[in-house]
Amino acid sequence: MLGLKCRVFLPNYTSEVMKEKFRKEGADTVIVGDVWNETNDRALVAVRESPNCLYVHPFDDPILWTGHSTMIDEIAEDLDAVPSMIITCCGGGGLLCGIIEGMRRHGWTSVPVLAMETRGADSLNAAVVAANGGTVRPVRIPDITSIAKSLGSLIICDQLANDCNTSAPPILSHVCDDREAAEACIKFANQHRILVEPSAGASLSALYTGLVQRLFTENSGKYSDGPVVVIICGGGAVTLDTISEWKTKFNL
């Protein structure tokens, strides 16, 4: 659209579906790295070798956070109410940082944000657990073993750690397993006729497994009676074939 060249660095596990989508948009693709962090390191090398190019980070950039934050503006307008909880997924933290930025803009600093990850792609939860009630700092997990590859950053961004420590709004970190995420995707497809990735399935699992209900029961009177908002992010890499593979893999 802008007539500019674009080179996209993608991890080795990127599906052919996603590779083809980038190519159809006219981008050059470089497939490198077993995890996203290795891919990013290679992209940074390319930037240093080509001083006239512009590096665009997928999640650690204030411009992205502000862009994501506008969905809270839309939610506030649509709801005309203060939600009791917002549920989202978390990878490196860009989406979550944007959600928090938007919530602060609307004064929703006491509304809890339930940040869901899958086991094996749980860099936020690793940081929260390591803090043990103290100061949250980014912690590097050893590998990405989850099927939720779009959550596949080994470490969260510094801004998200800062937001966890500020706790305005409070961030609740929870983890589901791959089976629960896949099952949530299948249930959502059956109920709403929309295909989503396991990253979105992680968010949806909070509802389908009863986690949200348990949190409200355990914190009776602490949360408001406003609507629960679930942010469904990620559907570009899912097909009917991948849904079928999950059903077989997890005996669903």
Protein backbone atom coordinates (compact mmCIF):
# COMPACT_ATOMS: atom_id res chain seq x y z
CA MET A 1 0.00 0.00 0.00
CA LEU A 2 2.85 2.40 0.84
CA GLY A 3 5.10 1.08 -1.90
CA LEU A 4 7.78 0.12 0.62
CA LYS A 5 9.74 -3.11 0.73
CA CYS A 6 9.08 -5.34 3.71
CA ARG A 7 11.09 -8.26 5.04
CA VAL A 8 9.45 -10.39 7.71
CA PHE A 9 11.51 -12.70 9.91
CA LEU A 10 9.59 -15.79 10.98
CA PRO A 11 10.48 -18.73 13.26
CA ASN A 12 11.02 -22.19 11.80
CA TYR A 13 7.70 -23.42 13.19
CA THR A 14 5.65 -20.88 11.21
CA SER A 15 2.90 -22.66 9.30
CA GLU A 16 2.79 -22.67 5.51
CA VAL A 17 -0.56 -20.89 5.77
CA MET A 18 1.03 -17.89 7.49
CA LYS A 19 4.09 -17.87 5.24
CA GLU A 20 1.86 -17.71 2.19
CA LYS A 21 -0.19 -14.86 3.68
CA PHE A 22 2.90 -12.72 4.07
CA ARG A 23 4.08 -13.54 0.57
CA LYS A 24 0.72 -12.65 -0.93
CA GLU A 25 1.07 -9.22 0.67
CA GLY A 26 4.37 -8.80 -1.16
CA ALA A 27 6.70 -9.31 1.81
CA ASP A 28 10.02 -11.13 1.63
CA THR A 29 10.13 -13.82 4.31
CA VAL A 30 13.18 -15.08 6.17
CA ILE A 31 12.61 -18.31 8.06
CA VAL A 32 15.10 -18.63 10.89
CA GLY A 33 15.22 -19.59 14.58
CA ASP A 34 13.62 -22.36 16.62
CA VAL A 35 11.91 -19.82 18.89
CA TRP A 36 10.78 -16.23 18.30
CA ASN A 37 13.63 -14.77 20.34
CA GLU A 38 16.22 -16.35 18.02
CA THR A 39 14.29 -15.01 15.04
CA ASN A 40 14.28 -11.54 16.55
CA ASP A 41 18.04 -11.68 17.15
CA ARG A 42 18.57 -12.43 13.46
CA ALA A 43 16.28 -9.55 12.48
CA LEU A 44 18.34 -7.17 14.63
CA VAL A 45 21.50 -8.30 12.85
CA ALA A 46 19.85 -7.49 9.52
CA VAL A 47 18.92 -4.03 10.81
CA ARG A 48 22.50 -3.31 11.81
CA GLU A 49 23.66 -4.40 8.37
CA SER A 50 21.10 -2.18 6.61
CA PRO A 51 21.06 1.26 8.30
CA ASN A 52 18.30 2.61 6.04
CA CYS A 53 15.73 0.04 7.15
CA LEU A 54 13.19 0.43 9.95
CA TYR A 55 12.83 -2.29 12.57
CA VAL A 56 9.26 -3.01 13.70
CA HIS A 57 8.99 -4.99 16.94
CA PRO A 58 5.91 -7.22 17.26
CA PHE A 59 5.17 -6.34 20.89
CA ASP A 60 7.79 -4.20 22.69
CA ASP A 61 6.99 -0.73 21.35
CA PRO A 62 4.94 2.13 22.89
CA ILE A 63 3.39 2.86 19.49
CA LEU A 64 1.94 -0.65 19.41
CA TRP A 65 0.68 -0.38 22.98
CA THR A 66 -1.15 2.83 22.19
CA GLY A 67 -2.65 1.22 19.11
CA HIS A 68 -3.87 -1.75 21.14
CA SER A 69 -5.22 0.59 23.80
CA THR A 70 -7.86 1.95 21.43
CA MET A 71 -9.82 -1.30 21.72
CA ILE A 72 -10.56 -0.27 25.30
CA ASP A 73 -11.97 3.00 23.95
CA GLU A 74 -14.28 0.94 21.73
CA ILE A 75 -15.23 -1.42 24.56
CA ALA A 76 -16.03 1.52 26.85
CA GLU A 77 -18.26 3.03 24.18
CA ASP A 78 -20.05 -0.24 23.43
CA LEU A 79 -20.57 -1.25 27.06
CA ASP A 80 -21.43 2.13 28.53
CA ALA A 81 -20.45 0.44 31.80
CA VAL A 82 -17.40 -0.58 33.78
CA PRO A 83 -16.53 -4.27 33.30
CA SER A 84 -16.01 -6.55 36.26
CA MET A 85 -13.04 -8.26 34.58
CA ILE A 86 -11.14 -8.24 31.30
CA ILE A 87 -9.67 -11.51 30.04
CA THR A 88 -6.88 -11.69 27.49
CA CYS A 89 -3.92 -13.84 26.53
CA CYS A 90 -0.27 -12.91 26.96
CA GLY A 91 2.84 -13.67 24.94
CA GLY A 92 5.57 -11.04 25.07
CA GLY A 93 3.13 -8.56 26.58
CA GLY A 94 2.35 -6.02 23.85
CA LEU A 95 -1.39 -6.58 23.76
CA LEU A 96 -1.61 -6.64 27.55
CA CYS A 97 0.40 -3.41 27.87
CA GLY A 98 -2.00 -1.75 25.43
CA ILE A 99 -5.04 -3.00 27.31
CA ILE A 100 -3.63 -1.63 30.55
CA GLU A 101 -2.86 1.73 28.92
CA GLY A 102 -6.45 1.98 27.71
CA MET A 103 -7.89 0.94 31.07
CA ARG A 104 -5.90 3.65 32.84
CA ARG A 105 -7.16 6.21 30.35
CA HIS A 106 -10.73 5.29 31.30
CA GLY A 107 -10.07 5.08 35.04
CA TRP A 108 -10.57 1.31 35.19
CA THR A 109 -7.59 0.87 37.50
CA SER A 110 -9.40 -1.42 39.94
CA VAL A 111 -10.79 -3.77 37.27
CA PRO A 112 -8.75 -6.99 37.28
CA VAL A 113 -7.13 -8.23 34.08
CA LEU A 114 -6.96 -12.00 33.82
CA ALA A 115 -3.88 -12.79 31.70
CA MET A 116 -3.99 -16.34 30.35
CA GLU A 117 -1.08 -18.36 28.98
CA THR A 118 -0.59 -21.96 27.98
CA ARG A 119 1.85 -24.15 29.87
CA GLY A 120 5.05 -24.17 27.85
CA ALA A 121 4.57 -20.56 26.71
CA ASP A 122 4.11 -19.03 30.16
CA SER A 123 6.78 -16.35 30.45
CA LEU A 124 4.52 -13.96 32.38
CA ASN A 125 3.53 -16.60 34.90
CA ALA A 126 7.17 -17.58 35.33
CA ALA A 127 8.01 -13.98 36.20
CA VAL A 128 5.09 -13.70 38.64
CA VAL A 129 5.92 -17.00 40.35
CA ALA A 130 9.61 -16.08 40.61
CA ALA A 131 8.65 -12.78 42.27
CA ASN A 132 6.79 -14.72 44.99
CA GLY A 133 4.80 -11.66 45.99
CA GLY A 134 7.72 -9.30 45.55
CA THR A 135 8.91 -7.23 42.61
CA VAL A 136 8.12 -8.81 39.23
CA ARG A 137 11.04 -8.92 36.81
CA PRO A 138 11.19 -10.57 33.38
CA VAL A 139 12.27 -14.22 33.64
CA ARG A 140 13.48 -16.18 30.63
CA ILE A 141 11.83 -19.58 30.28
CA PRO A 142 13.97 -22.36 28.76
CA ASP A 143 11.88 -23.19 25.68
CA ILE A 144 8.49 -22.90 23.99
CA THR A 145 6.80 -26.30 24.11
CA SER A 146 3.16 -25.23 23.76
CA ILE A 147 1.06 -25.45 20.59
CA ALA A 148 0.21 -21.77 21.17
CA LYS A 149 3.17 -20.57 19.11
CA SER A 150 1.84 -17.02 18.81
CA LEU A 151 2.43 -16.72 22.57
CA GLY A 152 5.96 -17.96 22.04
CA SER A 153 8.24 -15.35 23.56
CA LEU A 154 10.74 -16.68 26.07
CA ILE A 155 10.52 -13.48 28.12
CA ILE A 156 8.03 -10.66 28.68
CA CYS A 157 8.86 -7.03 27.95
CA ASP A 158 10.04 -4.74 30.75
CA GLN A 159 6.93 -2.59 30.49
CA LEU A 160 4.68 -5.50 31.39
CA ALA A 161 6.78 -6.27 34.46
CA ASN A 162 6.42 -2.62 35.48
CA ASP A 163 2.66 -2.81 34.98
CA CYS A 164 2.50 -5.91 37.17
CA ASN A 165 4.30 -4.08 39.95
CA THR A 166 2.11 -0.98 39.66
CA SER A 167 -1.00 -3.18 39.91
CA ALA A 168 -3.30 -0.50 38.53
CA PRO A 169 -5.15 -2.37 37.16
CA PRO A 170 -4.31 -5.62 38.99
CA ILE A 171 -3.02 -8.39 36.71
CA LEU A 172 -4.02 -11.98 37.52
CA SER A 173 -1.69 -14.50 35.88
CA HIS A 174 -3.09 -17.98 35.18
CA VAL A 175 -2.02 -20.90 33.02
CA CYS A 176 -4.00 -23.55 31.17
CA ASP A 177 -2.67 -26.61 29.35
CA ASP A 178 -2.69 -27.11 25.59
CA ARG A 179 -5.63 -29.49 25.74
CA GLU A 180 -7.79 -26.93 27.52
CA ALA A 181 -6.83 -24.23 25.01
CA ALA A 182 -7.56 -26.51 22.04
CA GLU A 183 -10.86 -27.65 23.51
CA ALA A 184 -11.87 -24.03 24.08
CA CYS A 185 -11.11 -23.27 20.41
CA ILE A 186 -13.31 -26.16 19.30
CA LYS A 187 -16.18 -25.20 21.59
CA PHE A 188 -15.98 -21.59 20.42
CA ALA A 189 -16.04 -22.72 16.77
CA ASN A 190 -19.10 -24.86 17.40
CA GLN A 191 -20.94 -22.15 19.31
CA HIS A 192 -19.96 -19.04 17.33
CA ARG A 193 -18.75 -20.40 13.96
CA ILE A 194 -15.41 -18.60 14.35
CA LEU A 195 -12.00 -20.28 14.13
CA VAL A 196 -9.37 -19.04 16.58
CA GLU A 197 -5.84 -20.06 17.54
CA PRO A 198 -4.75 -21.66 20.84
CA SER A 199 -3.63 -18.22 22.05
CA ALA A 200 -7.27 -17.14 21.96
CA GLY A 201 -8.20 -20.57 23.28
CA ALA A 202 -6.16 -19.81 26.39
CA SER A 203 -8.36 -16.77 27.06
CA LEU A 204 -11.54 -18.71 26.34
CA SER A 205 -10.47 -21.58 28.57
CA ALA A 206 -10.87 -19.27 31.56
CA LEU A 207 -14.60 -19.39 30.86
CA TYR A 208 -14.99 -22.96 29.66
CA THR A 209 -13.02 -24.50 32.55
CA GLY A 210 -14.87 -22.49 35.20
CA LEU A 211 -11.81 -20.48 36.25
CA VAL A 212 -13.65 -17.16 36.04
CA GLN A 213 -16.53 -18.46 38.13
CA ARG A 214 -14.09 -19.75 40.75
CA LEU A 215 -12.29 -16.41 40.91
CA PHE A 216 -15.56 -14.58 41.47
CA THR A 217 -16.60 -17.08 44.14
CA GLU A 218 -13.26 -16.88 45.94
CA ASN A 219 -13.31 -13.07 45.80
CA SER A 220 -16.97 -12.55 46.64
CA GLY A 221 -17.76 -8.86 46.92
CA LYS A 222 -14.33 -7.82 45.65
CA TYR A 223 -15.28 -7.60 41.96
CA SER A 224 -18.08 -5.48 40.55
CA ASP A 225 -21.20 -6.86 38.90
CA GLY A 226 -20.31 -5.41 35.50
CA PRO A 227 -19.92 -7.53 32.36
CA VAL A 228 -16.92 -9.81 31.83
CA VAL A 229 -15.00 -8.86 28.68
CA VAL A 230 -12.99 -11.49 26.79
CA ILE A 231 -10.56 -10.25 24.14
CA ILE A 232 -10.22 -12.88 21.42
CA CYS A 233 -6.90 -12.38 19.65
CA GLY A 234 -5.48 -14.64 16.98
CA GLY A 235 -7.11 -16.55 14.14
CA GLY A 236 -4.88 -16.05 11.14
CA ALA A 237 -3.01 -19.34 11.47
CA VAL A 238 -5.88 -21.73 12.15
CA THR A 239 -7.65 -23.91 9.58
CA LEU A 240 -10.15 -26.76 9.67
CA ASP A 241 -7.20 -29.12 9.27
CA THR A 242 -5.49 -27.79 12.40
CA ILE A 243 -8.74 -28.09 14.34
CA SER A 244 -8.95 -31.72 13.21
CA GLU A 245 -5.34 -32.31 14.28
CA TRP A 246 -6.07 -30.97 17.77
CA LYS A 247 -9.11 -33.23 18.10
CA THR A 248 -6.95 -36.24 17.30
CA LYS A 249 -3.94 -35.15 19.36
CA PHE A 250 -5.96 -34.43 22.51
CA ASN A 251 -8.73 -36.99 21.97
CA LEU A 252 -11.41 -34.31 21.94
